[in-house]
N, C-alpha and C. Protein backbone atom coordinates (compact mmCIF):
# COMPACT_ATOMS: atom_id res chain seq x y z
N MET A 1 -0.97 -6.39 23.74
CA MET A 1 -1.41 -7.29 22.16
C MET A 1 0.06 -7.22 21.70
N TRP A 2 0.36 -5.96 21.41
CA TRP A 2 1.61 -5.71 20.26
C TRP A 2 2.78 -6.54 20.74
N LYS A 3 3.40 -6.86 21.73
CA LYS A 3 4.52 -7.51 22.53
C LYS A 3 3.99 -9.11 22.08
N LYS A 4 2.96 -9.63 21.95
CA LYS A 4 2.58 -11.01 21.77
C LYS A 4 2.20 -11.17 20.38
N THR A 5 2.39 -10.30 19.45
CA THR A 5 2.11 -10.73 18.03
C THR A 5 3.32 -10.74 17.53
N THR A 6 3.38 -12.24 16.48
CA THR A 6 4.52 -13.11 15.93
C THR A 6 4.76 -12.29 14.56
N LEU A 7 5.90 -11.90 14.87
CA LEU A 7 6.55 -11.09 13.46
C LEU A 7 6.08 -9.62 13.40
N ARG A 8 5.91 -9.02 14.58
CA ARG A 8 5.48 -7.86 14.80
C ARG A 8 6.42 -6.67 13.85
N ASN A 9 7.46 -7.03 13.47
CA ASN A 9 8.95 -6.19 12.95
C ASN A 9 8.01 -5.96 11.61
N TYR A 10 7.94 -7.11 10.84
CA TYR A 10 7.06 -7.36 9.54
C TYR A 10 5.81 -6.36 9.50
N PHE A 11 4.90 -6.53 10.40
CA PHE A 11 3.83 -5.64 10.51
C PHE A 11 4.19 -4.12 10.67
N LEU A 12 4.99 -4.02 11.47
CA LEU A 12 5.63 -2.28 11.76
C LEU A 12 6.20 -1.91 10.22
N ALA A 13 6.93 -2.92 9.83
CA ALA A 13 7.81 -2.09 8.42
C ALA A 13 6.59 -2.18 7.49
N ALA A 14 5.74 -2.82 7.17
CA ALA A 14 4.40 -2.65 6.17
C ALA A 14 4.05 -1.53 6.54
N ILE A 15 3.47 -1.07 7.84
CA ILE A 15 2.87 0.25 8.29
C ILE A 15 3.75 1.38 7.61
N ILE A 16 4.86 1.35 7.99
CA ILE A 16 5.92 2.52 7.94
C ILE A 16 6.10 2.60 6.34
N VAL A 17 6.41 1.64 5.56
CA VAL A 17 6.20 1.61 4.38
C VAL A 17 4.73 1.87 3.64
N ASN A 18 3.77 1.79 3.93
CA ASN A 18 2.68 2.47 3.28
C ASN A 18 2.22 3.98 3.54
N LEU A 19 2.92 4.22 5.08
CA LEU A 19 2.52 5.89 5.48
C LEU A 19 3.42 6.40 4.80
N LEU A 20 5.05 5.97 4.45
CA LEU A 20 5.84 6.69 3.66
C LEU A 20 5.32 6.80 2.00
N ALA A 21 4.84 5.70 1.35
CA ALA A 21 4.18 6.05 0.16
C ALA A 21 3.21 6.95 -0.02
N GLY A 22 2.04 7.12 1.13
CA GLY A 22 1.22 8.13 1.27
C GLY A 22 1.83 9.50 1.55
N LEU A 23 2.75 9.92 2.10
CA LEU A 23 3.65 10.98 2.19
C LEU A 23 4.40 11.32 0.96
N PHE A 24 4.82 10.20 0.04
CA PHE A 24 5.66 10.34 -1.13
C PHE A 24 4.49 11.08 -2.00
N ILE A 25 3.33 10.55 -2.28
CA ILE A 25 2.27 11.02 -3.06
C ILE A 25 1.79 12.44 -2.48
N ILE A 26 1.71 12.71 -1.36
CA ILE A 26 1.06 14.09 -1.20
C ILE A 26 2.48 15.04 -1.24
N LEU A 27 3.63 14.83 -1.16
CA LEU A 27 4.91 15.67 -1.45
C LEU A 27 5.40 15.82 -2.64
N LEU A 28 4.86 14.84 -3.33
CA LEU A 28 5.02 14.99 -4.72
C LEU A 28 3.64 15.67 -5.93
N ARG A 29 2.91 15.85 -5.20
CA ARG A 29 1.51 16.29 -6.18
C ARG A 29 1.84 17.49 -6.99
N ASP A 30 2.53 18.40 -6.45
CA ASP A 30 2.69 19.47 -7.58
C ASP A 30 3.71 19.07 -8.62
N HIS A 31 4.38 17.94 -8.71
CA HIS A 31 4.66 17.45 -9.84
C HIS A 31 4.14 16.42 -10.64
N LEU A 32 2.80 15.84 -10.13
CA LEU A 32 2.08 15.29 -10.97
C LEU A 32 1.01 16.00 -11.81
N PRO A 33 0.52 15.59 -12.92
CA PRO A 33 -0.83 16.38 -13.45
C PRO A 33 -1.74 15.82 -12.72
N PRO A 34 -2.89 16.62 -13.11
CA PRO A 34 -3.98 16.42 -12.19
C PRO A 34 -4.67 15.09 -12.40
N LEU A 35 -4.65 14.26 -13.49
CA LEU A 35 -5.16 13.29 -13.49
C LEU A 35 -4.03 12.21 -14.14
N VAL A 36 -4.31 10.86 -13.26
CA VAL A 36 -3.21 10.13 -13.61
C VAL A 36 -3.94 8.75 -13.44
N PRO A 37 -3.07 7.78 -14.33
CA PRO A 37 -3.43 6.47 -14.58
C PRO A 37 -3.54 5.74 -13.35
N LEU A 38 -4.63 4.84 -12.94
CA LEU A 38 -4.35 4.20 -11.99
C LEU A 38 -5.02 2.71 -12.26
N PHE A 39 -6.31 2.95 -12.89
CA PHE A 39 -7.35 1.61 -13.06
C PHE A 39 -7.06 0.99 -14.27
N TYR A 40 -5.81 0.02 -14.28
CA TYR A 40 -5.52 -0.49 -15.59
C TYR A 40 -6.32 -1.23 -15.97
N GLY A 41 -7.30 -2.31 -15.35
CA GLY A 41 -8.25 -3.16 -15.60
C GLY A 41 -9.44 -2.46 -16.41
N ARG A 42 -9.52 -1.50 -16.34
CA ARG A 42 -10.74 -0.70 -16.76
C ARG A 42 -10.46 -0.52 -18.72
N PRO A 43 -11.52 -0.13 -19.27
CA PRO A 43 -11.16 0.09 -20.86
C PRO A 43 -10.23 1.39 -20.83
N ALA A 44 -9.32 1.46 -22.02
CA ALA A 44 -8.23 2.48 -22.03
C ALA A 44 -9.16 3.92 -22.40
N GLY A 45 -8.57 4.97 -21.99
CA GLY A 45 -9.28 6.38 -21.65
C GLY A 45 -9.46 7.02 -20.49
N GLU A 46 -10.40 7.50 -20.31
CA GLU A 46 -10.74 8.31 -19.25
C GLU A 46 -11.21 7.44 -17.99
N ALA A 47 -11.70 6.06 -18.60
CA ALA A 47 -11.85 5.35 -17.13
C ALA A 47 -10.85 5.02 -16.18
N GLN A 48 -9.65 5.03 -17.07
CA GLN A 48 -8.41 4.72 -16.13
C GLN A 48 -7.72 5.53 -15.11
N LEU A 49 -8.39 6.73 -15.58
CA LEU A 49 -7.68 8.11 -14.87
C LEU A 49 -8.32 8.32 -13.47
N THR A 50 -7.74 8.97 -12.45
CA THR A 50 -8.02 9.30 -11.34
C THR A 50 -7.24 10.57 -10.89
N ASN A 51 -7.93 11.44 -10.04
CA ASN A 51 -7.03 12.51 -9.34
C ASN A 51 -5.69 12.11 -8.92
N THR A 52 -5.05 13.11 -8.93
CA THR A 52 -3.76 13.08 -7.99
C THR A 52 -3.82 12.24 -6.72
N PHE A 53 -4.77 12.63 -5.95
CA PHE A 53 -4.85 11.97 -4.76
C PHE A 53 -5.65 10.71 -4.60
N GLY A 54 -6.21 10.23 -5.91
CA GLY A 54 -6.74 9.06 -5.88
C GLY A 54 -5.26 7.89 -6.00
N LEU A 55 -4.20 8.39 -6.02
CA LEU A 55 -3.06 7.15 -6.02
C LEU A 55 -3.03 7.13 -4.48
N LEU A 56 -3.39 7.82 -3.42
CA LEU A 56 -3.60 7.28 -2.25
C LEU A 56 -4.63 5.89 -1.76
N VAL A 57 -5.06 5.44 -2.99
CA VAL A 57 -5.98 4.48 -3.05
C VAL A 57 -4.84 3.12 -2.63
N ALA A 58 -3.87 2.82 -3.52
CA ALA A 58 -3.09 1.86 -3.46
C ALA A 58 -2.29 1.62 -1.87
N PRO A 59 -1.74 2.85 -1.15
CA PRO A 59 -1.19 2.63 0.02
C PRO A 59 -2.42 2.55 1.10
N GLY A 60 -3.56 3.25 0.65
CA GLY A 60 -4.62 2.97 1.70
C GLY A 60 -4.92 1.50 1.86
N VAL A 61 -5.42 0.97 0.79
CA VAL A 61 -5.84 -0.27 0.87
C VAL A 61 -4.65 -1.50 1.66
N SER A 62 -3.63 -1.21 1.01
CA SER A 62 -2.50 -1.73 1.77
C SER A 62 -2.77 -1.86 3.27
N LEU A 63 -2.52 -0.70 3.53
CA LEU A 63 -2.60 -0.32 5.21
C LEU A 63 -3.72 -0.92 5.92
N LEU A 64 -4.80 -1.20 5.11
CA LEU A 64 -6.17 -1.72 5.61
C LEU A 64 -5.91 -2.96 5.85
N ILE A 65 -5.33 -3.70 4.58
CA ILE A 65 -5.21 -5.11 4.85
C ILE A 65 -4.22 -5.53 5.76
N THR A 66 -3.02 -4.42 6.19
CA THR A 66 -2.07 -5.03 7.02
C THR A 66 -2.25 -4.86 8.50
N ILE A 67 -3.52 -3.83 8.72
CA ILE A 67 -4.23 -3.40 9.92
C ILE A 67 -5.04 -4.81 10.14
N ILE A 68 -5.86 -5.29 9.40
CA ILE A 68 -6.64 -6.48 9.25
C ILE A 68 -5.94 -7.64 9.53
N ASN A 69 -4.77 -8.05 9.00
CA ASN A 69 -4.06 -9.06 9.36
C ASN A 69 -3.34 -8.83 10.83
N LEU A 70 -2.97 -7.53 11.11
CA LEU A 70 -2.26 -7.69 12.63
C LEU A 70 -3.44 -8.11 13.54
N LEU A 71 -4.77 -7.59 13.04
CA LEU A 71 -5.98 -7.63 14.22
C LEU A 71 -6.20 -9.01 14.19
N LEU A 72 -6.06 -10.01 12.95
CA LEU A 72 -6.44 -11.43 12.94
C LEU A 72 -5.35 -12.31 13.75
N SER A 73 -4.05 -11.57 13.76
CA SER A 73 -2.99 -12.65 14.25
C SER A 73 -3.42 -13.12 15.60
N PRO A 74 -3.64 -12.48 16.58
CA PRO A 74 -3.75 -13.01 18.08
C PRO A 74 -4.87 -13.86 18.15
N TRP A 75 -5.66 -13.94 17.10
CA TRP A 75 -6.91 -14.93 17.07
C TRP A 75 -6.44 -16.23 16.46
N VAL A 76 -5.52 -16.28 15.45
CA VAL A 76 -4.91 -17.45 14.92
C VAL A 76 -4.00 -18.39 15.73
N HIS A 77 -4.27 -19.31 15.96
CA HIS A 77 -3.40 -20.47 16.72
C HIS A 77 -2.17 -21.07 16.36
N ASP A 78 -2.39 -21.30 14.91
CA ASP A 78 -1.20 -21.69 14.38
C ASP A 78 0.01 -20.99 13.91
N ASP A 79 1.28 -21.35 14.37
CA ASP A 79 2.49 -20.12 13.86
C ASP A 79 2.42 -20.03 12.62
N PHE A 80 2.35 -20.95 11.60
CA PHE A 80 2.57 -20.85 10.09
C PHE A 80 1.45 -20.06 9.63
N GLN A 81 0.34 -19.91 10.20
CA GLN A 81 -0.69 -19.05 9.62
C GLN A 81 -0.60 -17.39 10.04
N LYS A 82 0.25 -17.51 11.23
CA LYS A 82 0.50 -16.32 11.83
C LYS A 82 1.66 -15.74 10.90
N LYS A 83 2.65 -16.67 10.34
CA LYS A 83 3.38 -15.79 9.64
C LYS A 83 3.12 -15.57 8.09
N ILE A 84 2.12 -16.41 8.15
CA ILE A 84 1.58 -16.01 6.56
C ILE A 84 0.96 -14.75 6.30
N LEU A 85 0.16 -14.05 7.83
CA LEU A 85 -0.43 -13.03 7.70
C LEU A 85 0.53 -12.03 8.00
N ALA A 86 1.49 -12.09 8.40
CA ALA A 86 2.83 -11.17 8.42
C ALA A 86 3.48 -10.98 7.11
N VAL A 87 3.57 -11.87 6.51
CA VAL A 87 4.45 -11.96 5.06
C VAL A 87 3.73 -11.41 4.25
N SER A 88 2.44 -11.57 3.99
CA SER A 88 1.57 -11.37 3.01
C SER A 88 1.20 -9.90 3.30
N ALA A 89 1.16 -9.28 4.57
CA ALA A 89 1.10 -8.09 4.67
C ALA A 89 2.26 -7.15 3.96
N VAL A 90 3.51 -7.49 4.40
CA VAL A 90 4.53 -7.18 3.81
C VAL A 90 4.45 -6.97 2.22
N PHE A 91 4.46 -8.24 1.57
CA PHE A 91 4.13 -8.44 0.10
C PHE A 91 3.11 -7.59 -0.31
N ILE A 92 1.87 -7.60 0.20
CA ILE A 92 1.26 -6.40 -0.38
C ILE A 92 1.57 -5.22 -0.43
N THR A 93 1.95 -4.89 0.67
CA THR A 93 2.75 -3.46 1.03
C THR A 93 3.89 -2.91 -0.27
N VAL A 94 4.76 -3.77 -0.34
CA VAL A 94 5.82 -3.84 -1.67
C VAL A 94 5.25 -3.35 -2.65
N LEU A 95 4.08 -4.44 -3.05
CA LEU A 95 3.45 -4.30 -4.44
C LEU A 95 2.66 -2.99 -4.62
N ALA A 96 2.00 -2.53 -3.57
CA ALA A 96 1.46 -1.48 -3.49
C ALA A 96 2.46 -0.11 -3.76
N ALA A 97 3.77 -0.17 -3.01
CA ALA A 97 4.78 0.84 -3.08
C ALA A 97 5.44 0.74 -4.47
N ILE A 98 5.51 -0.38 -5.22
CA ILE A 98 6.03 -0.28 -6.10
C ILE A 98 5.29 0.50 -7.52
N THR A 99 4.01 0.11 -7.46
CA THR A 99 2.65 0.57 -8.13
C THR A 99 2.76 2.05 -8.01
N VAL A 100 2.81 2.70 -7.02
CA VAL A 100 2.92 4.01 -6.60
C VAL A 100 4.20 4.82 -7.52
N ILE A 101 5.05 3.93 -6.92
CA ILE A 101 6.54 4.75 -7.65
C ILE A 101 6.35 4.93 -9.43
N LYS A 102 6.19 3.39 -9.63
CA LYS A 102 6.09 3.30 -11.07
C LYS A 102 5.01 4.36 -11.80
N ILE A 103 4.13 4.73 -11.38
CA ILE A 103 3.05 5.63 -11.84
C ILE A 103 3.50 7.18 -11.51
N VAL A 104 4.27 7.28 -10.57
CA VAL A 104 4.78 8.69 -10.48
C VAL A 104 5.93 8.59 -11.11
N LEU A 105 6.93 7.76 -11.69
CA LEU A 105 7.82 7.87 -12.38
C LEU A 105 7.32 8.11 -13.98
N LEU A 106 6.08 7.47 -14.24
CA LEU A 106 5.61 7.43 -15.69
C LEU A 106 5.14 8.85 -15.85
N VAL A 107 4.37 9.35 -15.09
CA VAL A 107 3.62 10.77 -15.41
C VAL A 107 4.24 12.13 -14.39
N GLY A 108 5.04 11.62 -13.62
CA GLY A 108 5.64 12.62 -13.09
C GLY A 108 6.44 13.50 -13.80
N PHE A 109 6.29 15.10 -13.80
CA PHE A 109 7.40 15.99 -14.18
C PHE A 109 8.43 16.39 -13.27
N PHE A 110 9.53 15.91 -13.77
CA PHE A 110 11.00 16.15 -13.01
C PHE A 110 11.80 16.88 -13.81
């Protein structure tokens, strides 16, 4: 299946970036406060906060979407749709990584 996947390097890059973002959070947990802001759509205050490991939600969801797109890719017959699945996985991964990096730089103690 992996050999037949269109743009498999895009999927591989997305998976690697998601795992690196998760590792980044785990390695920097000592430099982060116990509560960090993540849920900016909620009302201001404690509703926006999560514990440090709650930051793993962003790369986790991104990794889940990447895996779903990877599993859907062999079922899609149109090359354009296969490319859309691969590029959207990379795009979502980049946005999740940017979110994690910005939050860590905002609240981290360095």
